[in-house]
Amino acid sequence: MLGHNAWANRRLIDVCSTLTDEQLDTGAEGTFGSIRDTLVHILESEQRYLFRLTEEQSDPPIQEGHWPGFEFLGSAPKRTADRYDRLVRKDDPGRRWPPS
């Protein structure tokens, strides 16, 4: 599941990287904001979930409200998937969310 999530995020970034700046800055009523804002939000949220599980910040972190560019965002899904993989393989009950 985590591998598929990383693949889907990477695919989304690849497709969005072909859009024009005008398209990337477009939003729609009832959505999070622009396409740029939504991409950052998705990837930053995953880092935040990992922080809740591990109490370790992502390095480097993605920050909402800041557009880091496609090159940086493109590497985020793999970094996040690798961190989840290490967490799952560690299987440390003290680090499961929510804690019991």
PDB file of N, CA and C in Angstrom:
ATOM      1  N   MET A   1       0.825  -1.181   0.000  1.00  0.00           N
ATOM      2  CA  MET A   1       0.000   0.000   0.000  1.00  0.00           C
ATOM      3  C   MET A   1       0.876   1.253   0.000  1.00  0.00           C
ATOM      4  N   LEU A   2       1.905   1.258   0.835  1.00  0.00           N
ATOM      5  CA  LEU A   2       2.767   2.428   0.902  1.00  0.00           C
ATOM      6  C   LEU A   2       3.549   2.625  -0.391  1.00  0.00           C
ATOM      7  N   GLY A   3       3.957   1.523  -0.997  1.00  0.00           N
ATOM      8  CA  GLY A   3       4.644   1.618  -2.285  1.00  0.00           C
ATOM      9  C   GLY A   3       3.732   2.166  -3.367  1.00  0.00           C
ATOM     10  N   HIS A   4       2.491   1.737  -3.359  1.00  0.00           N
ATOM     11  CA  HIS A   4       1.534   2.242  -4.346  1.00  0.00           C
ATOM     12  C   HIS A   4       1.278   3.729  -4.114  1.00  0.00           C
ATOM     13  N   ASN A   5       1.175   4.136  -2.868  1.00  0.00           N
ATOM     14  CA  ASN A   5       0.973   5.545  -2.542  1.00  0.00           C
ATOM     15  C   ASN A   5       2.133   6.393  -3.070  1.00  0.00           C
ATOM     16  N   ALA A   6       3.358   5.921  -2.869  1.00  0.00           N
ATOM     17  CA  ALA A   6       4.522   6.652  -3.363  1.00  0.00           C
ATOM     18  C   ALA A   6       4.494   6.730  -4.888  1.00  0.00           C
ATOM     19  N   TRP A   7       4.141   5.614  -5.538  1.00  0.00           N
ATOM     20  CA  TRP A   7       4.040   5.604  -6.997  1.00  0.00           C
ATOM     21  C   TRP A   7       2.996   6.617  -7.467  1.00  0.00           C
ATOM     22  N   ALA A   8       1.821   6.616  -6.830  1.00  0.00           N
ATOM     23  CA  ALA A   8       0.735   7.511  -7.236  1.00  0.00           C
ATOM     24  C   ALA A   8       1.130   8.973  -7.038  1.00  0.00           C
ATOM     25  N   ASN A   9       1.783   9.281  -5.920  1.00  0.00           N
ATOM     26  CA  ASN A   9       2.231  10.654  -5.693  1.00  0.00           C
ATOM     27  C   ASN A   9       3.269  11.066  -6.735  1.00  0.00           C
ATOM     28  N   ARG A  10       4.191  10.168  -7.037  1.00  0.00           N
ATOM     29  CA  ARG A  10       5.220  10.469  -8.037  1.00  0.00           C
ATOM     30  C   ARG A  10       4.579  10.688  -9.403  1.00  0.00           C
ATOM     31  N   ARG A  11       3.597   9.867  -9.737  1.00  0.00           N
ATOM     32  CA  ARG A  11       2.887  10.006 -11.022  1.00  0.00           C
ATOM     33  C   ARG A  11       2.149  11.344 -11.082  1.00  0.00           C
ATOM     34  N   LEU A  12       1.505  11.718  -9.988  1.00  0.00           N
ATOM     35  CA  LEU A  12       0.796  12.998  -9.919  1.00  0.00           C
ATOM     36  C   LEU A  12       1.769  14.158 -10.135  1.00  0.00           C
ATOM     37  N   ILE A  13       2.923  14.087  -9.501  1.00  0.00           N
ATOM     38  CA  ILE A  13       3.934  15.130  -9.672  1.00  0.00           C
ATOM     39  C   ILE A  13       4.413  15.172 -11.118  1.00  0.00           C
ATOM     40  N   ASP A  14       4.663  14.008 -11.714  1.00  0.00           N
ATOM     41  CA  ASP A  14       5.112  13.956 -13.106  1.00  0.00           C
ATOM     42  C   ASP A  14       4.103  14.599 -14.052  1.00  0.00           C
ATOM     43  N   VAL A  15       2.837  14.282 -13.862  1.00  0.00           N
ATOM     44  CA  VAL A  15       1.794  14.841 -14.728  1.00  0.00           C
ATOM     45  C   VAL A  15       1.680  16.349 -14.511  1.00  0.00           C
ATOM     46  N   CYS A  16       1.663  16.767 -13.258  1.00  0.00           N
ATOM     47  CA  CYS A  16       1.519  18.198 -12.967  1.00  0.00           C
ATOM     48  C   CYS A  16       2.724  19.003 -13.444  1.00  0.00           C
ATOM     49  N   SER A  17       3.895  18.378 -13.525  1.00  0.00           N
ATOM     50  CA  SER A  17       5.087  19.103 -13.964  1.00  0.00           C
ATOM     51  C   SER A  17       5.000  19.518 -15.432  1.00  0.00           C
ATOM     52  N   THR A  18       4.059  18.974 -16.177  1.00  0.00           N
ATOM     53  CA  THR A  18       3.885  19.347 -17.583  1.00  0.00           C
ATOM     54  C   THR A  18       2.927  20.524 -17.749  1.00  0.00           C
ATOM     55  N   LEU A  19       2.309  20.958 -16.658  1.00  0.00           N
ATOM     56  CA  LEU A  19       1.348  22.055 -16.730  1.00  0.00           C
ATOM     57  C   LEU A  19       2.059  23.404 -16.812  1.00  0.00           C
ATOM     58  N   THR A  20       1.353  24.381 -17.337  1.00  0.00           N
ATOM     59  CA  THR A  20       1.891  25.742 -17.394  1.00  0.00           C
ATOM     60  C   THR A  20       1.779  26.386 -16.010  1.00  0.00           C
ATOM     61  N   ASP A  21       2.513  27.477 -15.815  1.00  0.00           N
ATOM     62  CA  ASP A  21       2.411  28.206 -14.544  1.00  0.00           C
ATOM     63  C   ASP A  21       0.979  28.665 -14.289  1.00  0.00           C
ATOM     64  N   GLU A  22       0.307  29.109 -15.349  1.00  0.00           N
ATOM     65  CA  GLU A  22      -1.084  29.556 -15.207  1.00  0.00           C
ATOM     66  C   GLU A  22      -1.969  28.402 -14.709  1.00  0.00           C
ATOM     67  N   GLN A  23      -1.779  27.222 -15.277  1.00  0.00           N
ATOM     68  CA  GLN A  23      -2.557  26.063 -14.836  1.00  0.00           C
ATOM     69  C   GLN A  23      -2.209  25.680 -13.400  1.00  0.00           C
ATOM     70  N   LEU A  24      -0.929  25.701 -13.044  1.00  0.00           N
ATOM     71  CA  LEU A  24      -0.509  25.335 -11.689  1.00  0.00           C
ATOM     72  C   LEU A  24      -1.040  26.292 -10.637  1.00  0.00           C
ATOM     73  N   ASP A  25      -1.272  27.526 -11.020  1.00  0.00           N
ATOM     74  CA  ASP A  25      -1.779  28.526 -10.077  1.00  0.00           C
ATOM     75  C   ASP A  25      -3.300  28.560 -10.017  1.00  0.00           C
ATOM     76  N   THR A  26      -3.940  27.698 -10.797  1.00  0.00           N
ATOM     77  CA  THR A  26      -5.396  27.636 -10.854  1.00  0.00           C
ATOM     78  C   THR A  26      -5.938  26.830  -9.681  1.00  0.00           C
ATOM     79  N   GLY A  27      -7.025  27.321  -9.142  1.00  0.00           N
ATOM     80  CA  GLY A  27      -7.741  26.593  -8.103  1.00  0.00           C
ATOM     81  C   GLY A  27      -9.199  26.516  -8.500  1.00  0.00           C
ATOM     82  N   ALA A  28      -9.964  25.843  -7.707  1.00  0.00           N
ATOM     83  CA  ALA A  28     -11.401  25.750  -7.959  1.00  0.00           C
ATOM     84  C   ALA A  28     -12.123  25.882  -6.630  1.00  0.00           C
ATOM     85  N   GLU A  29     -13.306  26.423  -6.672  1.00  0.00           N
ATOM     86  CA  GLU A  29     -14.093  26.584  -5.455  1.00  0.00           C
ATOM     87  C   GLU A  29     -14.301  25.226  -4.787  1.00  0.00           C
ATOM     88  N   GLY A  30     -14.092  25.194  -3.481  1.00  0.00           N
ATOM     89  CA  GLY A  30     -14.289  23.960  -2.734  1.00  0.00           C
ATOM     90  C   GLY A  30     -13.060  23.068  -2.681  1.00  0.00           C
ATOM     91  N   THR A  31     -11.940  23.538  -3.251  1.00  0.00           N
ATOM     92  CA  THR A  31     -10.706  22.752  -3.203  1.00  0.00           C
ATOM     93  C   THR A  31      -9.729  23.382  -2.220  1.00  0.00           C
ATOM     94  N   PHE A  32      -8.577  22.754  -2.034  1.00  0.00           N
ATOM     95  CA  PHE A  32      -7.585  23.242  -1.080  1.00  0.00           C
ATOM     96  C   PHE A  32      -7.000  24.575  -1.506  1.00  0.00           C
ATOM     97  N   GLY A  33      -6.875  24.800  -2.776  1.00  0.00           N
ATOM     98  CA  GLY A  33      -6.253  26.013  -3.319  1.00  0.00           C
ATOM     99  C   GLY A  33      -5.775  25.710  -4.718  1.00  0.00           C
ATOM    100  N   SER A  34      -4.639  26.287  -5.066  1.00  0.00           N
ATOM    101  CA  SER A  34      -4.093  26.032  -6.397  1.00  0.00           C
ATOM    102  C   SER A  34      -3.545  24.609  -6.475  1.00  0.00           C
ATOM    103  N   ILE A  35      -3.214  24.189  -7.678  1.00  0.00           N
ATOM    104  CA  ILE A  35      -2.610  22.878  -7.870  1.00  0.00           C
ATOM    105  C   ILE A  35      -1.286  22.817  -7.117  1.00  0.00           C
ATOM    106  N   ARG A  36      -0.507  23.895  -7.174  1.00  0.00           N
ATOM    107  CA  ARG A  36       0.758  23.939  -6.427  1.00  0.00           C
ATOM    108  C   ARG A  36       0.504  23.739  -4.933  1.00  0.00           C
ATOM    109  N   ASP A  37      -0.452  24.504  -4.395  1.00  0.00           N
ATOM    110  CA  ASP A  37      -0.764  24.401  -2.964  1.00  0.00           C
ATOM    111  C   ASP A  37      -1.217  22.991  -2.598  1.00  0.00           C
ATOM    112  N   THR A  38      -1.998  22.382  -3.458  1.00  0.00           N
ATOM    113  CA  THR A  38      -2.510  21.037  -3.187  1.00  0.00           C
ATOM    114  C   THR A  38      -1.383  20.007  -3.186  1.00  0.00           C
ATOM    115  N   LEU A  39      -0.459  20.101  -4.133  1.00  0.00           N
ATOM    116  CA  LEU A  39       0.674  19.172  -4.156  1.00  0.00           C
ATOM    117  C   LEU A  39       1.512  19.298  -2.888  1.00  0.00           C
ATOM    118  N   VAL A  40       1.819  20.525  -2.502  1.00  0.00           N
ATOM    119  CA  VAL A  40       2.605  20.745  -1.285  1.00  0.00           C
ATOM    120  C   VAL A  40       1.842  20.213  -0.083  1.00  0.00           C
ATOM    121  N   HIS A  41       0.551  20.461  -0.027  1.00  0.00           N
ATOM    122  CA  HIS A  41      -0.261  20.006   1.100  1.00  0.00           C
ATOM    123  C   HIS A  41      -0.250  18.475   1.212  1.00  0.00           C
ATOM    124  N   ILE A  42      -0.416  17.778   0.114  1.00  0.00           N
ATOM    125  CA  ILE A  42      -0.429  16.311   0.125  1.00  0.00           C
ATOM    126  C   ILE A  42       0.886  15.770   0.675  1.00  0.00           C
ATOM    127  N   LEU A  43       1.997  16.267   0.149  1.00  0.00           N
ATOM    128  CA  LEU A  43       3.302  15.738   0.542  1.00  0.00           C
ATOM    129  C   LEU A  43       3.701  16.185   1.947  1.00  0.00           C
ATOM    130  N   GLU A  44       3.364  17.403   2.314  1.00  0.00           N
ATOM    131  CA  GLU A  44       3.665  17.876   3.671  1.00  0.00           C
ATOM    132  C   GLU A  44       2.843  17.107   4.688  1.00  0.00           C
ATOM    133  N   SER A  45       1.598  16.787   4.360  1.00  0.00           N
ATOM    134  CA  SER A  45       0.739  16.018   5.267  1.00  0.00           C
ATOM    135  C   SER A  45       1.332  14.647   5.546  1.00  0.00           C
ATOM    136  N   GLU A  46       1.859  14.012   4.524  1.00  0.00           N
ATOM    137  CA  GLU A  46       2.476  12.699   4.735  1.00  0.00           C
ATOM    138  C   GLU A  46       3.684  12.806   5.659  1.00  0.00           C
ATOM    139  N   GLN A  47       4.453  13.871   5.513  1.00  0.00           N
ATOM    140  CA  GLN A  47       5.585  14.072   6.427  1.00  0.00           C
ATOM    141  C   GLN A  47       5.091  14.302   7.854  1.00  0.00           C
ATOM    142  N   ARG A  48       3.984  15.020   7.980  1.00  0.00           N
ATOM    143  CA  ARG A  48       3.415  15.278   9.313  1.00  0.00           C
ATOM    144  C   ARG A  48       2.923  13.982   9.954  1.00  0.00           C
ATOM    145  N   TYR A  49       2.300  13.100   9.175  1.00  0.00           N
ATOM    146  CA  TYR A  49       1.867  11.802   9.706  1.00  0.00           C
ATOM    147  C   TYR A  49       3.061  11.008  10.203  1.00  0.00           C
ATOM    148  N   LEU A  50       4.134  11.019   9.438  1.00  0.00           N
ATOM    149  CA  LEU A  50       5.340  10.316   9.865  1.00  0.00           C
ATOM    150  C   LEU A  50       5.913  10.911  11.140  1.00  0.00           C
ATOM    151  N   PHE A  51       5.855  12.218  11.262  1.00  0.00           N
ATOM    152  CA  PHE A  51       6.336  12.857  12.490  1.00  0.00           C
ATOM    153  C   PHE A  51       5.517  12.370  13.688  1.00  0.00           C
ATOM    154  N   ARG A  52       4.224  12.241  13.499  1.00  0.00           N
ATOM    155  CA  ARG A  52       3.374  11.746  14.592  1.00  0.00           C
ATOM    156  C   ARG A  52       3.730  10.320  14.985  1.00  0.00           C
ATOM    157  N   LEU A  53       4.164   9.526  14.035  1.00  0.00           N
ATOM    158  CA  LEU A  53       4.545   8.143  14.315  1.00  0.00           C
ATOM    159  C   LEU A  53       5.941   8.018  14.902  1.00  0.00           C
ATOM    160  N   THR A  54       6.851   8.854  14.458  1.00  0.00           N
ATOM    161  CA  THR A  54       8.261   8.679  14.812  1.00  0.00           C
ATOM    162  C   THR A  54       8.837   9.787  15.681  1.00  0.00           C
ATOM    163  N   GLU A  55       8.164  10.930  15.720  1.00  0.00           N
ATOM    164  CA  GLU A  55       8.665  12.135  16.399  1.00  0.00           C
ATOM    165  C   GLU A  55       9.980  12.613  15.788  1.00  0.00           C
ATOM    166  N   GLU A  56      10.198  12.309  14.505  1.00  0.00           N
ATOM    167  CA  GLU A  56      11.381  12.751  13.771  1.00  0.00           C
ATOM    168  C   GLU A  56      10.930  13.597  12.583  1.00  0.00           C
ATOM    169  N   GLN A  57      11.531  14.775  12.452  1.00  0.00           N
ATOM    170  CA  GLN A  57      11.220  15.648  11.324  1.00  0.00           C
ATOM    171  C   GLN A  57      11.793  15.079  10.037  1.00  0.00           C
ATOM    172  N   SER A  58      11.128  15.349   8.936  1.00  0.00           N
ATOM    173  CA  SER A  58      11.653  14.980   7.632  1.00  0.00           C
ATOM    174  C   SER A  58      12.829  15.876   7.306  1.00  0.00           C
ATOM    175  N   ASP A  59      13.774  15.335   6.588  1.00  0.00           N
ATOM    176  CA  ASP A  59      14.952  16.114   6.235  1.00  0.00           C
ATOM    177  C   ASP A  59      15.230  15.939   4.752  1.00  0.00           C
ATOM    178  N   PRO A  60      15.020  16.966   3.982  1.00  0.00           N
ATOM    179  CA  PRO A  60      14.533  18.289   4.340  1.00  0.00           C
ATOM    180  C   PRO A  60      13.009  18.315   4.384  1.00  0.00           C
ATOM    181  N   PRO A  61      12.437  19.172   5.213  1.00  0.00           N
ATOM    182  CA  PRO A  61      10.975  19.214   5.323  1.00  0.00           C
ATOM    183  C   PRO A  61      10.328  19.984   4.170  1.00  0.00           C
ATOM    184  N   ILE A  62       9.094  19.628   3.901  1.00  0.00           N
ATOM    185  CA  ILE A  62       8.259  20.385   2.967  1.00  0.00           C
ATOM    186  C   ILE A  62       7.433  21.323   3.828  1.00  0.00           C
ATOM    187  N   GLN A  63       7.324  22.569   3.404  1.00  0.00           N
ATOM    188  CA  GLN A  63       6.604  23.553   4.201  1.00  0.00           C
ATOM    189  C   GLN A  63       5.417  24.093   3.426  1.00  0.00           C
ATOM    190  N   GLU A  64       4.238  24.008   4.054  1.00  0.00           N
ATOM    191  CA  GLU A  64       3.043  24.566   3.413  1.00  0.00           C
ATOM    192  C   GLU A  64       3.249  26.059   3.210  1.00  0.00           C
ATOM    193  N   GLY A  65       2.721  26.560   2.105  1.00  0.00           N
ATOM    194  CA  GLY A  65       2.847  27.971   1.785  1.00  0.00           C
ATOM    195  C   GLY A  65       4.131  28.309   1.045  1.00  0.00           C
ATOM    196  N   HIS A  66       4.977  27.307   0.813  1.00  0.00           N
ATOM    197  CA  HIS A  66       6.235  27.525   0.093  1.00  0.00           C
ATOM    198  C   HIS A  66       6.309  26.543  -1.068  1.00  0.00           C
ATOM    199  N   TRP A  67       6.522  27.048  -2.261  1.00  0.00           N
ATOM    200  CA  TRP A  67       6.637  26.194  -3.445  1.00  0.00           C
ATOM    201  C   TRP A  67       8.109  25.824  -3.636  1.00  0.00           C
ATOM    202  N   PRO A  68       8.482  24.559  -3.386  1.00  0.00           N
ATOM    203  CA  PRO A  68       9.882  24.164  -3.489  1.00  0.00           C
ATOM    204  C   PRO A  68      10.319  23.757  -4.892  1.00  0.00           C
ATOM    205  N   GLY A  69       9.387  23.638  -5.817  1.00  0.00           N
ATOM    206  CA  GLY A  69       9.714  23.231  -7.174  1.00  0.00           C
ATOM    207  C   GLY A  69       9.538  21.735  -7.384  1.00  0.00           C
ATOM    208  N   PHE A  70       9.409  21.369  -8.649  1.00  0.00           N
ATOM    209  CA  PHE A  70       9.139  19.963  -8.978  1.00  0.00           C
ATOM    210  C   PHE A  70      10.314  19.044  -8.704  1.00  0.00           C
ATOM    211  N   GLU A  71      11.533  19.520  -8.860  1.00  0.00           N
ATOM    212  CA  GLU A  71      12.687  18.651  -8.599  1.00  0.00           C
ATOM    213  C   GLU A  71      12.678  18.190  -7.143  1.00  0.00           C
ATOM    214  N   PHE A  72      12.458  19.126  -6.233  1.00  0.00           N
ATOM    215  CA  PHE A  72      12.410  18.785  -4.813  1.00  0.00           C
ATOM    216  C   PHE A  72      11.199  17.901  -4.508  1.00  0.00           C
ATOM    217  N   LEU A  73      10.027  18.288  -5.006  1.00  0.00           N
ATOM    218  CA  LEU A  73       8.821  17.502  -4.742  1.00  0.00           C
ATOM    219  C   LEU A  73       8.927  16.103  -5.333  1.00  0.00           C
ATOM    220  N   GLY A  74       9.597  15.981  -6.465  1.00  0.00           N
ATOM    221  CA  GLY A  74       9.716  14.687  -7.122  1.00  0.00           C
ATOM    222  C   GLY A  74      10.462  13.654  -6.307  1.00  0.00           C
ATOM    223  N   SER A  75      11.343  14.090  -5.430  1.00  0.00           N
ATOM    224  CA  SER A  75      12.092  13.143  -4.602  1.00  0.00           C
ATOM    225  C   SER A  75      11.381  12.845  -3.279  1.00  0.00           C
ATOM    226  N   ALA A  76      10.378  13.613  -2.933  1.00  0.00           N
ATOM    227  CA  ALA A  76       9.688  13.450  -1.650  1.00  0.00           C
ATOM    228  C   ALA A  76       8.949  12.119  -1.517  1.00  0.00           C
ATOM    229  N   PRO A  77       8.214  11.631  -2.520  1.00  0.00           N
ATOM    230  CA  PRO A  77       7.500  10.362  -2.336  1.00  0.00           C
ATOM    231  C   PRO A  77       8.421   9.193  -1.982  1.00  0.00           C
ATOM    232  N   LYS A  78       9.573   9.107  -2.618  1.00  0.00           N
ATOM    233  CA  LYS A  78      10.494   8.010  -2.311  1.00  0.00           C
ATOM    234  C   LYS A  78      11.072   8.171  -0.906  1.00  0.00           C
ATOM    235  N   ARG A  79      11.458   9.387  -0.546  1.00  0.00           N
ATOM    236  CA  ARG A  79      11.987   9.604   0.813  1.00  0.00           C
ATOM    237  C   ARG A  79      10.939   9.220   1.859  1.00  0.00           C
ATOM    238  N   THR A  80       9.694   9.608   1.630  1.00  0.00           N
ATOM    239  CA  THR A  80       8.627   9.292   2.574  1.00  0.00           C
ATOM    240  C   THR A  80       8.376   7.790   2.605  1.00  0.00           C
ATOM    241  N   ALA A  81       8.318   7.147   1.444  1.00  0.00           N
ATOM    242  CA  ALA A  81       8.091   5.697   1.388  1.00  0.00           C
ATOM    243  C   ALA A  81       9.218   4.949   2.081  1.00  0.00           C
ATOM    244  N   ASP A  82      10.445   5.414   1.907  1.00  0.00           N
ATOM    245  CA  ASP A  82      11.582   4.766   2.574  1.00  0.00           C
ATOM    246  C   ASP A  82      11.455   4.885   4.090  1.00  0.00           C
ATOM    247  N   ARG A  83      11.018   6.024   4.562  1.00  0.00           N
ATOM    248  CA  ARG A  83      10.848   6.205   6.011  1.00  0.00           C
ATOM    249  C   ARG A  83       9.729   5.311   6.546  1.00  0.00           C
ATOM    250  N   TYR A  84       8.619   5.233   5.812  1.00  0.00           N
ATOM    251  CA  TYR A  84       7.533   4.336   6.230  1.00  0.00           C
ATOM    252  C   TYR A  84       8.017   2.889   6.230  1.00  0.00           C
ATOM    253  N   ASP A  85       8.778   2.519   5.208  1.00  0.00           N
ATOM    254  CA  ASP A  85       9.280   1.161   5.124  1.00  0.00           C
ATOM    255  C   ASP A  85      10.152   0.825   6.335  1.00  0.00           C
ATOM    256  N   ARG A  86      11.043   1.737   6.701  1.00  0.00           N
ATOM    257  CA  ARG A  86      11.891   1.500   7.880  1.00  0.00           C
ATOM    258  C   ARG A  86      11.046   1.368   9.138  1.00  0.00           C
ATOM    259  N   LEU A  87      10.011   2.186   9.244  1.00  0.00           N
ATOM    260  CA  LEU A  87       9.134   2.135  10.408  1.00  0.00           C
ATOM    261  C   LEU A  87       8.398   0.806  10.489  1.00  0.00           C
ATOM    262  N   VAL A  88       7.850   0.368   9.381  1.00  0.00           N
ATOM    263  CA  VAL A  88       7.095  -0.887   9.355  1.00  0.00           C
ATOM    264  C   VAL A  88       8.019  -2.065   9.640  1.00  0.00           C
ATOM    265  N   ARG A  89       9.181  -2.062   9.032  1.00  0.00           N
ATOM    266  CA  ARG A  89      10.122  -3.165   9.246  1.00  0.00           C
ATOM    267  C   ARG A  89      10.638  -3.210  10.682  1.00  0.00           C
ATOM    268  N   LYS A  90      10.751  -2.056  11.293  1.00  0.00           N
ATOM    269  CA  LYS A  90      11.230  -2.003  12.679  1.00  0.00           C
ATOM    270  C   LYS A  90      10.218  -2.669  13.610  1.00  0.00           C
ATOM    271  N   ASP A  91       8.929  -2.461  13.294  1.00  0.00           N
ATOM    272  CA  ASP A  91       7.842  -3.082  14.059  1.00  0.00           C
ATOM    273  C   ASP A  91       8.013  -2.878  15.562  1.00  0.00           C
ATOM    274  N   ASP A  92       8.238  -1.637  15.916  1.00  0.00           N
ATOM    275  CA  ASP A  92       8.412  -1.264  17.316  1.00  0.00           C
ATOM    276  C   ASP A  92       7.048  -0.849  17.869  1.00  0.00           C
ATOM    277  N   PRO A  93       6.409  -1.664  18.733  1.00  0.00           N
ATOM    278  CA  PRO A  93       5.072  -1.321  19.230  1.00  0.00           C
ATOM    279  C   PRO A  93       5.017   0.036  19.911  1.00  0.00           C
ATOM    280  N   GLY A  94       6.118   0.511  20.459  1.00  0.00           N
ATOM    281  CA  GLY A  94       6.140   1.811  21.107  1.00  0.00           C
ATOM    282  C   GLY A  94       6.029   2.972  20.144  1.00  0.00           C
ATOM    283  N   ARG A  95       6.169   2.707  18.872  1.00  0.00           N
ATOM    284  CA  ARG A  95       6.110   3.772  17.880  1.00  0.00           C
ATOM    285  C   ARG A  95       4.868   3.681  16.996  1.00  0.00           C
ATOM    286  N   ARG A  96       3.932   2.843  17.360  1.00  0.00           N
ATOM    287  CA  ARG A  96       2.693   2.743  16.578  1.00  0.00           C
ATOM    288  C   ARG A  96       1.736   3.861  16.954  1.00  0.00           C
ATOM    289  N   TRP A  97       0.925   4.232  15.986  1.00  0.00           N
ATOM    290  CA  TRP A  97      -0.045   5.296  16.226  1.00  0.00           C
ATOM    291  C   TRP A  97      -1.423   4.725  16.066  1.00  0.00           C
ATOM    292  N   PRO A  98      -2.349   4.995  16.956  1.00  0.00           N
ATOM    293  CA  PRO A  98      -2.105   5.733  18.197  1.00  0.00           C
ATOM    294  C   PRO A  98      -1.450   4.840  19.238  1.00  0.00           C
ATOM    295  N   PRO A  99      -0.672   5.442  20.132  1.00  0.00           N
ATOM    296  CA  PRO A  99      -0.057   4.628  21.174  1.00  0.00           C
ATOM    297  C   PRO A  99      -1.112   4.014  22.073  1.00  0.00           C
ATOM    298  N   SER A 100      -0.860   2.813  22.572  1.00  0.00           N
ATOM    299  CA  SER A 100      -1.850   2.156  23.436  1.00  0.00           C
ATOM    300  C   SER A 100      -1.676   2.565  24.877  1.00  0.00           C
TER     301      SER A 100
END
